[in-house]
Amino acid sequence: MYVNDMNGDNYNYDALYIPKNKDEILFVSEGDRDRFWDYVENDRYLSKHKGKYAEAYSVYSPWVHRVDLRYAHDFKIKIAGSTNTLQLNFTSQQIHESKPQRRANPQI
């Protein structure tokens, strides 16, 4: 399913057709065609369902989780009658990808 009304018919979810062969759709360049068919042939679901419409929720993109951690500590230091603050902080940013489990027969 494609979200965002791809064909302008005022429905937000459009079914996607998986072409049966290279003659069914046109591409701007040979490179675009080759990359598209490489993707279709290397995907388990798409390669087995050529010439059909994709079932709802049958193909998932990888999930991306971003984990950020920041720890800060203020040290109060008195020098010559005035209080100064020194802050020590630690920041870790990390991106982690994981794929959700694909269900054998998704129920709608």
C-alpha atoms as a PDB file:
ATOM      1  CA  MET A   1       0.000   0.000   0.000  1.00  0.00           C
ATOM      2  CA  TYR A   2       1.142   3.504  -0.779  1.00  0.00           C
ATOM      3  CA  VAL A   3       0.152   6.322   1.579  1.00  0.00           C
ATOM      4  CA  ASN A   4      -0.564   9.862   0.270  1.00  0.00           C
ATOM      5  CA  ASP A   5      -2.982   9.458  -2.649  1.00  0.00           C
ATOM      6  CA  MET A   6      -0.489   8.596  -5.384  1.00  0.00           C
ATOM      7  CA  ASN A   7      -3.025   8.791  -8.227  1.00  0.00           C
ATOM      8  CA  GLY A   8      -5.149  11.738  -7.035  1.00  0.00           C
ATOM      9  CA  ASP A   9      -8.416   9.823  -6.498  1.00  0.00           C
ATOM     10  CA  ASN A  10      -8.931  11.208  -2.947  1.00  0.00           C
ATOM     11  CA  TYR A  11      -8.180   7.857  -1.296  1.00  0.00           C
ATOM     12  CA  ASN A  12      -5.126   7.881   0.959  1.00  0.00           C
ATOM     13  CA  TYR A  13      -4.151   4.235   0.461  1.00  0.00           C
ATOM     14  CA  ASP A  14      -3.560   2.988  -3.064  1.00  0.00           C
ATOM     15  CA  ALA A  15      -2.903  -0.620  -4.025  1.00  0.00           C
ATOM     16  CA  LEU A  16       0.358  -1.161  -5.885  1.00  0.00           C
ATOM     17  CA  TYR A  17       0.676  -3.402  -8.917  1.00  0.00           C
ATOM     18  CA  ILE A  18       3.849  -5.449  -9.275  1.00  0.00           C
ATOM     19  CA  PRO A  19       4.691  -5.580 -12.988  1.00  0.00           C
ATOM     20  CA  LYS A  20       4.947  -9.044 -14.538  1.00  0.00           C
ATOM     21  CA  ASN A  21       7.810  -8.250 -16.905  1.00  0.00           C
ATOM     22  CA  LYS A  22       9.975  -5.424 -18.249  1.00  0.00           C
ATOM     23  CA  ASP A  23       7.521  -4.613 -21.067  1.00  0.00           C
ATOM     24  CA  GLU A  24       4.686  -3.548 -18.720  1.00  0.00           C
ATOM     25  CA  ILE A  25       6.156  -0.252 -17.515  1.00  0.00           C
ATOM     26  CA  LEU A  26       8.370   2.498 -18.954  1.00  0.00           C
ATOM     27  CA  PHE A  27      11.359   4.108 -17.244  1.00  0.00           C
ATOM     28  CA  VAL A  28      13.207   7.348 -17.899  1.00  0.00           C
ATOM     29  CA  SER A  29      16.542   5.546 -18.224  1.00  0.00           C
ATOM     30  CA  GLU A  30      17.993   2.072 -18.572  1.00  0.00           C
ATOM     31  CA  GLY A  31      19.675   2.516 -15.179  1.00  0.00           C
ATOM     32  CA  ASP A  32      16.312   3.199 -13.500  1.00  0.00           C
ATOM     33  CA  ARG A  33      14.838   0.087 -15.111  1.00  0.00           C
ATOM     34  CA  ASP A  34      17.791  -2.085 -14.096  1.00  0.00           C
ATOM     35  CA  ARG A  35      17.736  -0.857 -10.467  1.00  0.00           C
ATOM     36  CA  PHE A  36      13.955  -1.394 -10.225  1.00  0.00           C
ATOM     37  CA  TRP A  37      14.119  -4.955 -11.554  1.00  0.00           C
ATOM     38  CA  ASP A  38      17.135  -5.801  -9.410  1.00  0.00           C
ATOM     39  CA  TYR A  39      15.103  -4.689  -6.380  1.00  0.00           C
ATOM     40  CA  VAL A  40      12.034  -6.726  -7.449  1.00  0.00           C
ATOM     41  CA  GLU A  41      14.078  -9.850  -8.186  1.00  0.00           C
ATOM     42  CA  ASN A  42      15.935  -9.666  -4.856  1.00  0.00           C
ATOM     43  CA  ASP A  43      12.818  -9.160  -2.695  1.00  0.00           C
ATOM     44  CA  ARG A  44      11.145 -12.415  -1.584  1.00  0.00           C
ATOM     45  CA  TYR A  45       7.605 -11.048  -1.717  1.00  0.00           C
ATOM     46  CA  LEU A  46       7.834  -8.974  -4.895  1.00  0.00           C
ATOM     47  CA  SER A  47       9.595 -11.649  -6.935  1.00  0.00           C
ATOM     48  CA  LYS A  48       6.886 -14.227  -6.120  1.00  0.00           C
ATOM     49  CA  HIS A  49       3.937 -11.889  -6.850  1.00  0.00           C
ATOM     50  CA  LYS A  50       4.839 -10.365 -10.220  1.00  0.00           C
ATOM     51  CA  GLY A  51       1.729  -9.571 -12.278  1.00  0.00           C
ATOM     52  CA  LYS A  52      -0.421  -9.117  -9.130  1.00  0.00           C
ATOM     53  CA  TYR A  53      -1.410  -6.341  -6.741  1.00  0.00           C
ATOM     54  CA  ALA A  54       0.514  -6.296  -3.468  1.00  0.00           C
ATOM     55  CA  GLU A  55      -1.570  -7.398  -0.494  1.00  0.00           C
ATOM     56  CA  ALA A  56      -2.142  -4.884   2.282  1.00  0.00           C
ATOM     57  CA  TYR A  57       0.720  -4.819   4.820  1.00  0.00           C
ATOM     58  CA  SER A  58       2.663  -7.475   2.892  1.00  0.00           C
ATOM     59  CA  VAL A  59       5.968  -5.615   2.553  1.00  0.00           C
ATOM     60  CA  TYR A  60       7.570  -3.641   5.365  1.00  0.00           C
ATOM     61  CA  SER A  61      10.454  -1.193   5.336  1.00  0.00           C
ATOM     62  CA  PRO A  62      13.118  -1.497   8.001  1.00  0.00           C
ATOM     63  CA  TRP A  63      12.357   0.300  11.241  1.00  0.00           C
ATOM     64  CA  VAL A  64      14.831   2.935  12.293  1.00  0.00           C
ATOM     65  CA  HIS A  65      15.290   3.584  15.996  1.00  0.00           C
ATOM     66  CA  ARG A  66      17.389   6.489  17.162  1.00  0.00           C
ATOM     67  CA  VAL A  67      18.791   6.345  20.650  1.00  0.00           C
ATOM     68  CA  ASP A  68      20.349   9.469  22.187  1.00  0.00           C
ATOM     69  CA  LEU A  69      21.789   9.669  25.693  1.00  0.00           C
ATOM     70  CA  ARG A  70      23.029  12.794  27.464  1.00  0.00           C
ATOM     71  CA  TYR A  71      24.307  13.037  31.014  1.00  0.00           C
ATOM     72  CA  ALA A  72      25.339  16.404  32.497  1.00  0.00           C
ATOM     73  CA  HIS A  73      26.688  17.261  35.929  1.00  0.00           C
ATOM     74  CA  ASP A  74      27.324  20.760  37.302  1.00  0.00           C
ATOM     75  CA  PHE A  75      30.275  21.332  39.623  1.00  0.00           C
ATOM     76  CA  LYS A  76      30.053  24.460  41.805  1.00  0.00           C
ATOM     77  CA  ILE A  77      33.453  25.947  42.458  1.00  0.00           C
ATOM     78  CA  LYS A  78      34.025  28.905  44.797  1.00  0.00           C
ATOM     79  CA  ILE A  79      36.998  31.042  43.863  1.00  0.00           C
ATOM     80  CA  ALA A  80      37.784  34.310  45.624  1.00  0.00           C
ATOM     81  CA  GLY A  81      34.267  34.717  46.979  1.00  0.00           C
ATOM     82  CA  SER A  82      32.396  34.070  43.725  1.00  0.00           C
ATOM     83  CA  THR A  83      30.689  30.844  42.740  1.00  0.00           C
ATOM     84  CA  ASN A  84      31.496  29.443  39.307  1.00  0.00           C
ATOM     85  CA  THR A  85      29.824  26.527  37.595  1.00  0.00           C
ATOM     86  CA  LEU A  86      31.719  23.980  35.560  1.00  0.00           C
ATOM     87  CA  GLN A  87      29.573  21.569  33.586  1.00  0.00           C
ATOM     88  CA  LEU A  88      30.785  18.149  32.538  1.00  0.00           C
ATOM     89  CA  ASN A  89      28.578  16.307  30.047  1.00  0.00           C
ATOM     90  CA  PHE A  90      28.595  13.107  28.086  1.00  0.00           C
ATOM     91  CA  THR A  91      26.556  12.700  24.896  1.00  0.00           C
ATOM     92  CA  SER A  92      26.126   9.540  22.850  1.00  0.00           C
ATOM     93  CA  GLN A  93      24.148   9.404  19.614  1.00  0.00           C
ATOM     94  CA  GLN A  94      23.509   6.169  17.844  1.00  0.00           C
ATOM     95  CA  ILE A  95      21.255   4.894  15.073  1.00  0.00           C
ATOM     96  CA  HIS A  96      20.096   1.285  15.113  1.00  0.00           C
ATOM     97  CA  GLU A  97      18.096  -0.480  12.375  1.00  0.00           C
ATOM     98  CA  SER A  98      16.011  -3.581  12.807  1.00  0.00           C
ATOM     99  CA  LYS A  99      13.418  -5.239  10.621  1.00  0.00           C
ATOM    100  CA  PRO A 100       9.990  -6.158  11.973  1.00  0.00           C
ATOM    101  CA  GLN A 101       8.846  -9.745  11.715  1.00  0.00           C
ATOM    102  CA  ARG A 102       6.866 -10.458   8.569  1.00  0.00           C
ATOM    103  CA  ARG A 103       3.622 -12.372   9.100  1.00  0.00           C
ATOM    104  CA  ALA A 104       2.957 -15.314   6.767  1.00  0.00           C
ATOM    105  CA  ASN A 105      -0.690 -14.415   6.055  1.00  0.00           C
ATOM    106  CA  PRO A 106      -1.505 -10.887   7.254  1.00  0.00           C
ATOM    107  CA  GLN A 107      -5.091 -10.365   8.365  1.00  0.00           C
ATOM    108  CA  ILE A 108      -6.810  -7.141   7.371  1.00  0.00           C
END
